[in-house]
Amino acid sequence: MWRFVLVLAVLGALWGGAAAAQETDTPVTTDKPPEKQCQPDIGCVTNLPLPRFVSLKGSEGNARRGPGLTHRIDWVFTRAGMPLKITAEYENWRRVEDFEGAGGWVHYSLLSGVRTALVTLDMAEFLDAPEDKGTVIAQAELGVIARVLECSSEWCRVAIEGQRGWVRKSSIWGVKPDEIIE
């Protein structure tokens, strides 16, 4: 019986306090932090720039219509290391797209910060130095995935199956045109 009276007393105090606040026009405060204001081109969750490039961690990743497991799967990425562009963030979900613009919302655990690039030019030439008159040390077919090691303003040094060389940024997708990677 005393528990019931105590519960009624607590509820009465809470209800009475809210009613008193309404009667005196005193704002009712909550312990919730204010809504976080997002900045353009900055992710609200990670504070990292948007868009930015990452890669697919495993050999398969579901891209969903919305950020959550209840949303329909629209696309399945099936190549480990595939470069993806993050365009938005929501809690543990990242909206990504591939070279062709296909994509959706992917759980962040399926993504890696390892930078990769997709060769977009058939028989792209990889040179021993970041200059047009360098020696060709390898060629890669359209669609090959390379690991990005570093990038200057116009060139990226990449690794493909043990071969390392410099390739023009215009021959790959997975780095921004103005991005420098050291």
N, C-alpha and C. Protein backbone atom coordinates (compact mmCIF):
# COMPACT_ATOMS: atom_id res chain seq x y z
N MET A 1 0.82 -1.19 0.00
CA MET A 1 0.00 0.00 0.00
C MET A 1 0.87 1.26 0.00
N TRP A 2 1.94 1.25 0.76
CA TRP A 2 2.78 2.46 0.83
C TRP A 2 3.47 2.74 -0.49
N ARG A 3 3.75 1.67 -1.30
CA ARG A 3 4.36 1.88 -2.62
C ARG A 3 3.40 2.63 -3.54
N PHE A 4 2.12 2.28 -3.44
CA PHE A 4 1.12 2.94 -4.26
C PHE A 4 1.03 4.42 -3.92
N VAL A 5 1.05 4.74 -2.63
CA VAL A 5 0.98 6.13 -2.19
C VAL A 5 2.23 6.89 -2.65
N LEU A 6 3.40 6.25 -2.56
CA LEU A 6 4.64 6.89 -2.98
C LEU A 6 4.62 7.18 -4.48
N VAL A 7 4.16 6.23 -5.27
CA VAL A 7 4.06 6.42 -6.72
C VAL A 7 3.11 7.56 -7.03
N LEU A 8 1.96 7.61 -6.34
CA LEU A 8 1.02 8.71 -6.56
C LEU A 8 1.64 10.04 -6.18
N ALA A 9 2.41 10.08 -5.12
CA ALA A 9 3.04 11.33 -4.68
C ALA A 9 4.07 11.80 -5.71
N VAL A 10 4.87 10.88 -6.23
CA VAL A 10 5.88 11.24 -7.24
C VAL A 10 5.19 11.71 -8.51
N LEU A 11 4.19 10.99 -8.97
CA LEU A 11 3.47 11.39 -10.18
C LEU A 11 2.78 12.74 -9.98
N GLY A 12 2.23 12.96 -8.82
CA GLY A 12 1.58 14.24 -8.54
C GLY A 12 2.58 15.38 -8.56
N ALA A 13 3.77 15.16 -8.02
CA ALA A 13 4.79 16.21 -8.01
C ALA A 13 5.26 16.51 -9.42
N LEU A 14 5.45 15.46 -10.22
CA LEU A 14 5.88 15.67 -11.59
C LEU A 14 4.80 16.39 -12.39
N TRP A 15 3.55 15.97 -12.24
CA TRP A 15 2.46 16.58 -12.99
C TRP A 15 2.23 18.00 -12.52
N GLY A 16 2.30 18.19 -11.24
CA GLY A 16 2.11 19.53 -10.68
C GLY A 16 3.21 20.48 -11.11
N GLY A 17 4.46 19.99 -11.16
CA GLY A 17 5.58 20.83 -11.60
C GLY A 17 5.43 21.23 -13.04
N ALA A 18 4.98 20.33 -13.89
CA ALA A 18 4.80 20.65 -15.30
C ALA A 18 3.66 21.64 -15.46
N ALA A 19 2.57 21.44 -14.67
CA ALA A 19 1.44 22.36 -14.76
C ALA A 19 1.85 23.74 -14.28
N ALA A 20 2.64 23.81 -13.20
CA ALA A 20 3.09 25.11 -12.69
C ALA A 20 3.97 25.80 -13.72
N ALA A 21 4.82 25.06 -14.40
CA ALA A 21 5.69 25.65 -15.41
C ALA A 21 4.85 26.20 -16.56
N GLN A 22 3.78 25.50 -16.92
CA GLN A 22 2.93 25.98 -18.01
C GLN A 22 2.18 27.24 -17.59
N GLU A 23 1.74 27.29 -16.34
CA GLU A 23 0.97 28.44 -15.87
C GLU A 23 1.82 29.70 -15.78
N THR A 24 3.11 29.58 -15.49
CA THR A 24 3.96 30.76 -15.32
C THR A 24 4.77 31.09 -16.56
N ASP A 25 4.54 30.38 -17.66
CA ASP A 25 5.29 30.56 -18.90
C ASP A 25 6.78 30.32 -18.74
N THR A 26 7.18 29.57 -17.73
CA THR A 26 8.57 29.19 -17.55
C THR A 26 8.84 28.00 -18.45
N PRO A 27 9.90 28.07 -19.28
CA PRO A 27 10.15 26.94 -20.17
C PRO A 27 10.51 25.68 -19.39
N VAL A 28 10.01 24.57 -19.84
CA VAL A 28 10.33 23.27 -19.26
C VAL A 28 11.62 22.80 -19.92
N THR A 29 12.63 22.52 -19.11
CA THR A 29 13.90 22.07 -19.67
C THR A 29 13.97 20.56 -19.64
N THR A 30 14.72 20.03 -20.59
CA THR A 30 14.95 18.58 -20.62
C THR A 30 16.45 18.35 -20.56
N ASP A 31 16.83 17.11 -20.32
CA ASP A 31 18.25 16.77 -20.26
C ASP A 31 18.80 16.40 -21.63
N LYS A 32 18.01 16.54 -22.68
CA LYS A 32 18.46 16.21 -24.02
C LYS A 32 19.41 17.29 -24.53
N PRO A 33 20.50 16.87 -25.16
CA PRO A 33 21.37 17.89 -25.78
C PRO A 33 20.67 18.49 -26.98
N PRO A 34 21.03 19.71 -27.35
CA PRO A 34 20.39 20.30 -28.53
C PRO A 34 20.72 19.50 -29.78
N GLU A 35 19.82 19.55 -30.76
CA GLU A 35 20.05 18.85 -32.03
C GLU A 35 21.34 19.34 -32.65
N LYS A 36 22.14 18.40 -33.15
CA LYS A 36 23.40 18.74 -33.79
C LYS A 36 23.13 19.32 -35.17
N GLN A 37 23.67 20.47 -35.43
CA GLN A 37 23.50 21.10 -36.73
C GLN A 37 24.61 20.61 -37.65
N CYS A 38 24.22 20.08 -38.78
CA CYS A 38 25.20 19.57 -39.74
C CYS A 38 25.70 20.70 -40.61
N GLN A 39 26.95 20.62 -40.97
CA GLN A 39 27.54 21.58 -41.88
C GLN A 39 27.55 20.96 -43.28
N PRO A 40 27.43 21.82 -44.30
CA PRO A 40 27.52 21.25 -45.65
C PRO A 40 28.90 20.65 -45.88
N ASP A 41 28.94 19.54 -46.57
CA ASP A 41 30.18 18.85 -46.93
C ASP A 41 30.92 18.26 -45.74
N ILE A 42 30.26 18.13 -44.57
CA ILE A 42 30.85 17.49 -43.40
C ILE A 42 29.84 16.48 -42.86
N GLY A 43 30.29 15.25 -42.60
CA GLY A 43 29.39 14.24 -42.06
C GLY A 43 29.00 14.53 -40.63
N CYS A 44 27.70 14.46 -40.33
CA CYS A 44 27.20 14.75 -38.99
C CYS A 44 27.66 13.73 -37.96
N VAL A 45 27.92 12.51 -38.38
CA VAL A 45 28.30 11.45 -37.45
C VAL A 45 29.81 11.45 -37.21
N THR A 46 30.59 11.51 -38.27
CA THR A 46 32.05 11.36 -38.16
C THR A 46 32.82 12.68 -38.20
N ASN A 47 32.18 13.74 -38.63
CA ASN A 47 32.83 15.04 -38.85
C ASN A 47 33.92 14.95 -39.92
N LEU A 48 33.83 13.96 -40.79
CA LEU A 48 34.76 13.81 -41.90
C LEU A 48 34.14 14.45 -43.14
N PRO A 49 34.97 14.82 -44.12
CA PRO A 49 34.42 15.49 -45.30
C PRO A 49 33.49 14.59 -46.12
N LEU A 50 32.53 15.23 -46.77
CA LEU A 50 31.62 14.56 -47.71
C LEU A 50 31.67 15.31 -49.03
N PRO A 51 31.70 14.64 -50.14
CA PRO A 51 31.88 13.20 -50.26
C PRO A 51 33.32 12.80 -49.96
N ARG A 52 33.51 11.53 -49.66
CA ARG A 52 34.86 10.97 -49.44
C ARG A 52 34.85 9.53 -49.93
N PHE A 53 36.04 8.99 -50.17
CA PHE A 53 36.15 7.64 -50.71
C PHE A 53 36.60 6.66 -49.65
N VAL A 54 36.03 5.46 -49.71
CA VAL A 54 36.40 4.32 -48.86
C VAL A 54 36.40 3.10 -49.78
N SER A 55 36.53 1.91 -49.20
CA SER A 55 36.46 0.69 -49.99
C SER A 55 35.59 -0.34 -49.28
N LEU A 56 35.11 -1.30 -50.04
CA LEU A 56 34.31 -2.38 -49.48
C LEU A 56 35.24 -3.34 -48.74
N LYS A 57 34.95 -3.59 -47.48
CA LYS A 57 35.83 -4.40 -46.64
C LYS A 57 35.82 -5.88 -47.04
N GLY A 58 34.68 -6.44 -47.23
CA GLY A 58 34.57 -7.87 -47.55
C GLY A 58 34.23 -8.07 -49.02
N SER A 59 33.83 -9.30 -49.33
CA SER A 59 33.52 -9.61 -50.73
C SER A 59 32.05 -9.37 -51.07
N GLU A 60 31.26 -8.95 -50.09
CA GLU A 60 29.85 -8.69 -50.35
C GLU A 60 29.32 -7.64 -49.39
N GLY A 61 28.49 -6.74 -49.91
CA GLY A 61 27.87 -5.72 -49.08
C GLY A 61 26.53 -5.31 -49.66
N ASN A 62 25.49 -5.35 -48.83
CA ASN A 62 24.16 -4.97 -49.27
C ASN A 62 23.97 -3.46 -49.20
N ALA A 63 23.48 -2.88 -50.27
CA ALA A 63 23.11 -1.47 -50.30
C ALA A 63 21.60 -1.39 -50.21
N ARG A 64 21.12 -0.71 -49.21
CA ARG A 64 19.68 -0.67 -48.93
C ARG A 64 19.06 0.65 -49.36
N ARG A 65 17.75 0.64 -49.48
CA ARG A 65 17.00 1.82 -49.90
C ARG A 65 17.10 2.94 -48.85
N GLY A 66 17.19 2.57 -47.59
CA GLY A 66 17.28 3.55 -46.50
C GLY A 66 18.24 3.05 -45.44
N PRO A 67 18.53 3.90 -44.44
CA PRO A 67 19.49 3.53 -43.40
C PRO A 67 18.88 2.66 -42.30
N GLY A 68 18.82 1.36 -42.53
CA GLY A 68 18.30 0.44 -41.53
C GLY A 68 18.05 -0.92 -42.14
N LEU A 69 18.03 -1.94 -41.31
CA LEU A 69 17.84 -3.31 -41.78
C LEU A 69 16.42 -3.57 -42.29
N THR A 70 15.48 -2.71 -41.96
CA THR A 70 14.11 -2.91 -42.43
C THR A 70 13.92 -2.43 -43.87
N HIS A 71 14.88 -1.71 -44.40
CA HIS A 71 14.77 -1.21 -45.77
C HIS A 71 15.17 -2.28 -46.78
N ARG A 72 14.55 -2.20 -47.93
CA ARG A 72 14.78 -3.16 -49.01
C ARG A 72 16.21 -3.06 -49.54
N ILE A 73 16.79 -4.19 -49.92
CA ILE A 73 18.12 -4.23 -50.54
C ILE A 73 17.93 -3.89 -52.02
N ASP A 74 18.59 -2.82 -52.46
CA ASP A 74 18.51 -2.41 -53.87
C ASP A 74 19.69 -2.91 -54.69
N TRP A 75 20.82 -3.12 -54.04
CA TRP A 75 22.04 -3.43 -54.77
C TRP A 75 22.95 -4.24 -53.87
N VAL A 76 23.73 -5.16 -54.45
CA VAL A 76 24.71 -5.92 -53.68
C VAL A 76 26.07 -5.71 -54.34
N PHE A 77 27.01 -5.16 -53.59
CA PHE A 77 28.38 -5.02 -54.06
C PHE A 77 29.07 -6.35 -53.84
N THR A 78 29.80 -6.84 -54.86
CA THR A 78 30.37 -8.19 -54.77
C THR A 78 31.87 -8.24 -55.01
N ARG A 79 32.57 -7.11 -54.98
CA ARG A 79 34.02 -7.12 -55.20
C ARG A 79 34.74 -6.54 -53.99
N ALA A 80 35.50 -7.36 -53.31
CA ALA A 80 36.29 -6.89 -52.17
C ALA A 80 37.23 -5.78 -52.64
N GLY A 81 37.32 -4.74 -51.85
CA GLY A 81 38.20 -3.63 -52.18
C GLY A 81 37.60 -2.61 -53.13
N MET A 82 36.37 -2.81 -53.57
CA MET A 82 35.73 -1.88 -54.50
C MET A 82 35.70 -0.48 -53.90
N PRO A 83 36.22 0.53 -54.63
CA PRO A 83 36.13 1.89 -54.11
C PRO A 83 34.68 2.37 -54.13
N LEU A 84 34.28 3.05 -53.08
CA LEU A 84 32.93 3.59 -52.96
C LEU A 84 33.02 5.03 -52.46
N LYS A 85 32.10 5.84 -52.91
CA LYS A 85 32.05 7.24 -52.48
C LYS A 85 30.94 7.41 -51.45
N ILE A 86 31.29 7.87 -50.25
CA ILE A 86 30.29 8.17 -49.23
C ILE A 86 29.74 9.55 -49.50
N THR A 87 28.40 9.63 -49.60
CA THR A 87 27.75 10.91 -49.87
C THR A 87 26.90 11.41 -48.71
N ALA A 88 26.60 10.55 -47.73
CA ALA A 88 25.79 10.95 -46.58
C ALA A 88 26.03 9.98 -45.43
N GLU A 89 25.68 10.43 -44.22
CA GLU A 89 25.81 9.61 -43.01
C GLU A 89 24.52 9.71 -42.20
N TYR A 90 24.15 8.60 -41.58
CA TYR A 90 23.05 8.59 -40.63
C TYR A 90 23.33 7.49 -39.62
N GLU A 91 23.59 7.86 -38.39
CA GLU A 91 23.95 6.92 -37.33
C GLU A 91 25.03 5.97 -37.82
N ASN A 92 24.79 4.66 -37.85
CA ASN A 92 25.81 3.69 -38.27
C ASN A 92 25.73 3.35 -39.76
N TRP A 93 25.05 4.16 -40.53
CA TRP A 93 24.84 3.90 -41.95
C TRP A 93 25.49 4.97 -42.79
N ARG A 94 26.00 4.55 -43.95
CA ARG A 94 26.62 5.48 -44.90
C ARG A 94 25.97 5.28 -46.26
N ARG A 95 25.56 6.38 -46.89
CA ARG A 95 25.04 6.29 -48.25
C ARG A 95 26.23 6.32 -49.18
N VAL A 96 26.36 5.29 -50.02
CA VAL A 96 27.51 5.15 -50.89
C VAL A 96 27.06 4.97 -52.33
N GLU A 97 27.99 5.25 -53.24
CA GLU A 97 27.75 4.95 -54.65
C GLU A 97 29.05 4.49 -55.28
N ASP A 98 28.90 3.69 -56.32
CA ASP A 98 30.07 3.19 -57.04
C ASP A 98 30.35 4.08 -58.25
N PHE A 99 31.27 3.64 -59.08
CA PHE A 99 31.70 4.39 -60.26
C PHE A 99 30.53 4.74 -61.18
N GLU A 100 29.56 3.84 -61.27
CA GLU A 100 28.42 4.05 -62.16
C GLU A 100 27.26 4.77 -61.49
N GLY A 101 27.41 5.11 -60.20
CA GLY A 101 26.35 5.80 -59.48
C GLY A 101 25.37 4.88 -58.78
N ALA A 102 25.57 3.57 -58.87
CA ALA A 102 24.70 2.61 -58.19
C ALA A 102 25.08 2.57 -56.71
N GLY A 103 24.11 2.35 -55.86
CA GLY A 103 24.43 2.25 -54.45
C GLY A 103 23.22 2.36 -53.56
N GLY A 104 23.46 2.80 -52.36
CA GLY A 104 22.42 2.92 -51.35
C GLY A 104 23.07 3.05 -49.99
N TRP A 105 22.32 2.69 -48.96
CA TRP A 105 22.80 2.80 -47.58
C TRP A 105 23.46 1.49 -47.16
N VAL A 106 24.70 1.58 -46.66
CA VAL A 106 25.49 0.43 -46.25
C VAL A 106 25.89 0.63 -44.79
N HIS A 107 25.87 -0.43 -44.00
CA HIS A 107 26.31 -0.34 -42.62
C HIS A 107 27.81 -0.04 -42.60
N TYR A 108 28.23 0.84 -41.72
CA TYR A 108 29.62 1.28 -41.70
C TYR A 108 30.61 0.14 -41.47
N SER A 109 30.19 -0.94 -40.84
CA SER A 109 31.10 -2.06 -40.57
C SER A 109 31.52 -2.79 -41.84
N LEU A 110 30.82 -2.56 -42.94
CA LEU A 110 31.17 -3.20 -44.21
C LEU A 110 32.18 -2.39 -45.01
N LEU A 111 32.56 -1.23 -44.49
CA LEU A 111 33.45 -0.32 -45.20
C LEU A 111 34.81 -0.25 -44.54
N SER A 112 35.83 0.06 -45.35
CA SER A 112 37.20 0.17 -44.88
C SER A 112 37.77 1.52 -45.29
N GLY A 113 38.65 2.04 -44.46
CA GLY A 113 39.34 3.29 -44.79
C GLY A 113 40.49 3.09 -45.76
N VAL A 114 40.79 1.84 -46.12
CA VAL A 114 41.85 1.56 -47.09
C VAL A 114 41.43 2.15 -48.43
N ARG A 115 42.29 2.96 -48.99
CA ARG A 115 41.95 3.63 -50.25
C ARG A 115 42.28 2.76 -51.45
N THR A 116 41.31 2.61 -52.31
CA THR A 116 41.49 1.88 -53.55
C THR A 116 40.96 2.73 -54.69
N ALA A 117 41.29 2.34 -55.90
CA ALA A 117 40.81 3.04 -57.08
C ALA A 117 40.47 2.02 -58.17
N LEU A 118 39.51 2.36 -58.99
CA LEU A 118 39.08 1.53 -60.09
C LEU A 118 39.66 2.10 -61.38
N VAL A 119 40.32 1.25 -62.16
CA VAL A 119 40.88 1.69 -63.44
C VAL A 119 39.72 1.93 -64.40
N THR A 120 39.65 3.15 -64.96
CA THR A 120 38.54 3.52 -65.83
C THR A 120 38.95 3.65 -67.30
N LEU A 121 40.19 3.36 -67.59
CA LEU A 121 40.72 3.45 -68.96
C LEU A 121 41.26 2.08 -69.33
N ASP A 122 40.85 1.55 -70.48
CA ASP A 122 41.34 0.23 -70.88
C ASP A 122 42.83 0.31 -71.18
N MET A 123 43.56 -0.60 -70.61
CA MET A 123 45.02 -0.68 -70.76
C MET A 123 45.70 0.60 -70.28
N ALA A 124 45.30 1.05 -69.10
CA ALA A 124 45.92 2.22 -68.48
C ALA A 124 47.39 1.92 -68.21
N GLU A 125 48.24 2.87 -68.48
CA GLU A 125 49.68 2.69 -68.30
C GLU A 125 50.13 3.16 -66.92
N PHE A 126 50.94 2.32 -66.29
CA PHE A 126 51.52 2.63 -65.01
C PHE A 126 53.01 2.89 -65.24
N LEU A 127 53.45 4.06 -64.80
CA LEU A 127 54.80 4.51 -65.10
C LEU A 127 55.69 4.45 -63.86
N ASP A 128 57.01 4.51 -64.09
CA ASP A 128 57.96 4.46 -62.97
C ASP A 128 58.12 5.80 -62.28
N ALA A 129 57.58 6.86 -62.87
CA ALA A 129 57.68 8.20 -62.29
C ALA A 129 56.41 8.98 -62.63
N PRO A 130 56.05 9.97 -61.83
CA PRO A 130 54.83 10.74 -62.10
C PRO A 130 55.03 11.80 -63.18
N GLU A 131 55.34 11.33 -64.38
CA GLU A 131 55.53 12.23 -65.52
C GLU A 131 55.25 11.46 -66.81
N ASP A 132 54.77 12.17 -67.81
CA ASP A 132 54.39 11.52 -69.08
C ASP A 132 55.53 10.81 -69.77
N LYS A 133 56.75 11.26 -69.56
CA LYS A 133 57.89 10.62 -70.24
C LYS A 133 58.51 9.50 -69.41
N GLY A 134 57.81 9.05 -68.36
CA GLY A 134 58.30 7.93 -67.56
C GLY A 134 58.21 6.63 -68.34
N THR A 135 58.89 5.61 -67.84
CA THR A 135 58.89 4.30 -68.47
C THR A 135 57.66 3.51 -68.04
N VAL A 136 56.98 2.89 -68.99
CA VAL A 136 55.81 2.06 -68.68
C VAL A 136 56.30 0.78 -68.03
N ILE A 137 55.81 0.52 -66.81
CA ILE A 137 56.22 -0.69 -66.10
C ILE A 137 55.10 -1.72 -66.04
N ALA A 138 53.85 -1.27 -66.30
CA ALA A 138 52.72 -2.20 -66.30
C ALA A 138 51.54 -1.54 -66.98
N GLN A 139 50.57 -2.37 -67.38
CA GLN A 139 49.31 -1.89 -67.92
C GLN A 139 48.19 -2.62 -67.19
N ALA A 140 47.05 -1.94 -67.04
CA ALA A 140 45.91 -2.57 -66.37
C ALA A 140 44.66 -2.39 -67.22
N GLU A 141 43.86 -3.43 -67.23
CA GLU A 141 42.61 -3.40 -67.99
C GLU A 141 41.56 -2.58 -67.25
N LEU A 142 40.57 -2.19 -67.99
CA LEU A 142 39.41 -1.49 -67.46
C LEU A 142 38.76 -2.33 -66.35
N GLY A 143 38.47 -1.72 -65.20
CA GLY A 143 37.79 -2.43 -64.12
C GLY A 143 38.68 -3.04 -63.06
N VAL A 144 40.00 -2.98 -63.26
CA VAL A 144 40.92 -3.52 -62.26
C VAL A 144 40.92 -2.60 -61.04
N ILE A 145 41.01 -3.21 -59.86
CA ILE A 145 41.06 -2.44 -58.61
C ILE A 145 42.50 -2.35 -58.14
N ALA A 146 42.95 -1.14 -57.83
CA ALA A 146 44.32 -0.90 -57.37
C ALA A 146 44.27 -0.28 -55.98
N ARG A 147 45.28 -0.53 -55.17
CA ARG A 147 45.39 0.12 -53.87
C ARG A 147 46.13 1.44 -54.05
N VAL A 148 45.57 2.51 -53.52
CA VAL A 148 46.17 3.83 -53.64
C VAL A 148 47.22 3.99 -52.54
N LEU A 149 48.45 4.34 -52.95
CA LEU A 149 49.54 4.53 -52.00
C LEU A 149 49.78 6.00 -51.71
N GLU A 150 49.74 6.83 -52.74
CA GLU A 150 49.88 8.28 -52.58
C GLU A 150 49.38 8.96 -53.84
N CYS A 151 49.06 10.26 -53.71
CA CYS A 151 48.60 11.03 -54.86
C CYS A 151 49.15 12.44 -54.78
N SER A 152 49.55 12.95 -55.95
CA SER A 152 49.93 14.35 -56.08
C SER A 152 48.76 15.05 -56.78
N SER A 153 48.98 16.22 -57.31
CA SER A 153 47.87 16.95 -57.92
C SER A 153 47.33 16.26 -59.17
N GLU A 154 48.16 15.57 -59.96
CA GLU A 154 47.70 14.95 -61.20
C GLU A 154 47.93 13.44 -61.27
N TRP A 155 48.75 12.90 -60.38
CA TRP A 155 49.15 11.49 -60.46
C TRP A 155 48.87 10.78 -59.14
N CYS A 156 48.67 9.46 -59.24
CA CYS A 156 48.57 8.62 -58.05
C CYS A 156 49.52 7.44 -58.21
N ARG A 157 50.18 7.10 -57.11
CA ARG A 157 51.01 5.90 -57.07
C ARG A 157 50.14 4.79 -56.50
N VAL A 158 50.03 3.70 -57.25
CA VAL A 158 49.13 2.62 -56.86
C VAL A 158 49.87 1.28 -56.89
N ALA A 159 49.26 0.29 -56.27
CA ALA A 159 49.79 -1.08 -56.28
C ALA A 159 48.71 -2.02 -56.79
N ILE A 160 49.12 -2.86 -57.75
CA ILE A 160 48.22 -3.89 -58.29
C ILE A 160 49.01 -5.19 -58.33
N GLU A 161 48.57 -6.14 -57.53
CA GLU A 161 49.20 -7.47 -57.51
C GLU A 161 50.72 -7.41 -57.47
N GLY A 162 51.26 -6.63 -56.54
CA GLY A 162 52.71 -6.54 -56.36
C GLY A 162 53.40 -5.52 -57.23
N GLN A 163 52.78 -5.08 -58.29
CA GLN A 163 53.35 -4.04 -59.15
C GLN A 163 52.98 -2.67 -58.59
N ARG A 164 53.95 -1.77 -58.57
CA ARG A 164 53.69 -0.40 -58.13
C ARG A 164 54.06 0.55 -59.25
N GLY A 165 53.22 1.54 -59.44
CA GLY A 165 53.52 2.52 -60.48
C GLY A 165 52.64 3.74 -60.36
N TRP A 166 52.95 4.72 -61.18
CA TRP A 166 52.22 5.99 -61.19
C TRP A 166 51.24 5.99 -62.35
N VAL A 167 50.03 6.47 -62.08
CA VAL A 167 48.98 6.55 -63.10
C VAL A 167 48.32 7.91 -62.99
N ARG A 168 47.89 8.45 -64.12
CA ARG A 168 47.18 9.74 -64.12
C ARG A 168 45.85 9.57 -63.40
N LYS A 169 45.47 10.58 -62.62
CA LYS A 169 44.19 10.54 -61.92
C LYS A 169 43.02 10.39 -62.88
N SER A 170 43.18 10.91 -64.08
CA SER A 170 42.11 10.83 -65.07
C SER A 170 41.86 9.40 -65.55
N SER A 171 42.74 8.46 -65.20
CA SER A 171 42.59 7.06 -65.62
C SER A 171 42.00 6.18 -64.53
N ILE A 172 41.69 6.77 -63.37
CA ILE A 172 41.16 5.98 -62.25
C ILE A 172 39.98 6.70 -61.60
N TRP A 173 39.17 5.95 -60.84
CA TRP A 173 38.08 6.51 -60.05
C TRP A 173 38.25 6.03 -58.62
N GLY A 174 38.22 6.96 -57.68
CA GLY A 174 38.39 6.61 -56.28
C GLY A 174 39.15 7.67 -55.51
N VAL A 175 39.56 8.71 -56.20
CA VAL A 175 40.21 9.87 -55.56
C VAL A 175 39.61 11.13 -56.18
N LYS A 176 39.54 12.18 -55.39
CA LYS A 176 39.02 13.45 -55.89
C LYS A 176 40.09 14.08 -56.79
N PRO A 177 39.68 14.85 -57.78
CA PRO A 177 40.65 15.48 -58.69
C PRO A 177 41.68 16.37 -57.99
N ASP A 178 41.28 17.03 -56.91
CA ASP A 178 42.19 17.93 -56.20
C ASP A 178 42.80 17.31 -54.95
N GLU A 179 42.58 16.02 -54.72
CA GLU A 179 43.02 15.36 -53.49
C GLU A 179 44.50 14.99 -53.52
N ILE A 180 45.17 15.30 -52.42
CA ILE A 180 46.56 14.93 -52.22
C ILE A 180 46.59 13.88 -51.12
N ILE A 181 47.24 12.75 -51.38
CA ILE A 181 47.37 11.67 -50.39
C ILE A 181 48.86 11.43 -50.19
N GLU A 182 49.28 11.51 -48.95
CA GLU A 182 50.72 11.32 -48.67
C GLU A 182 50.97 10.02 -47.96
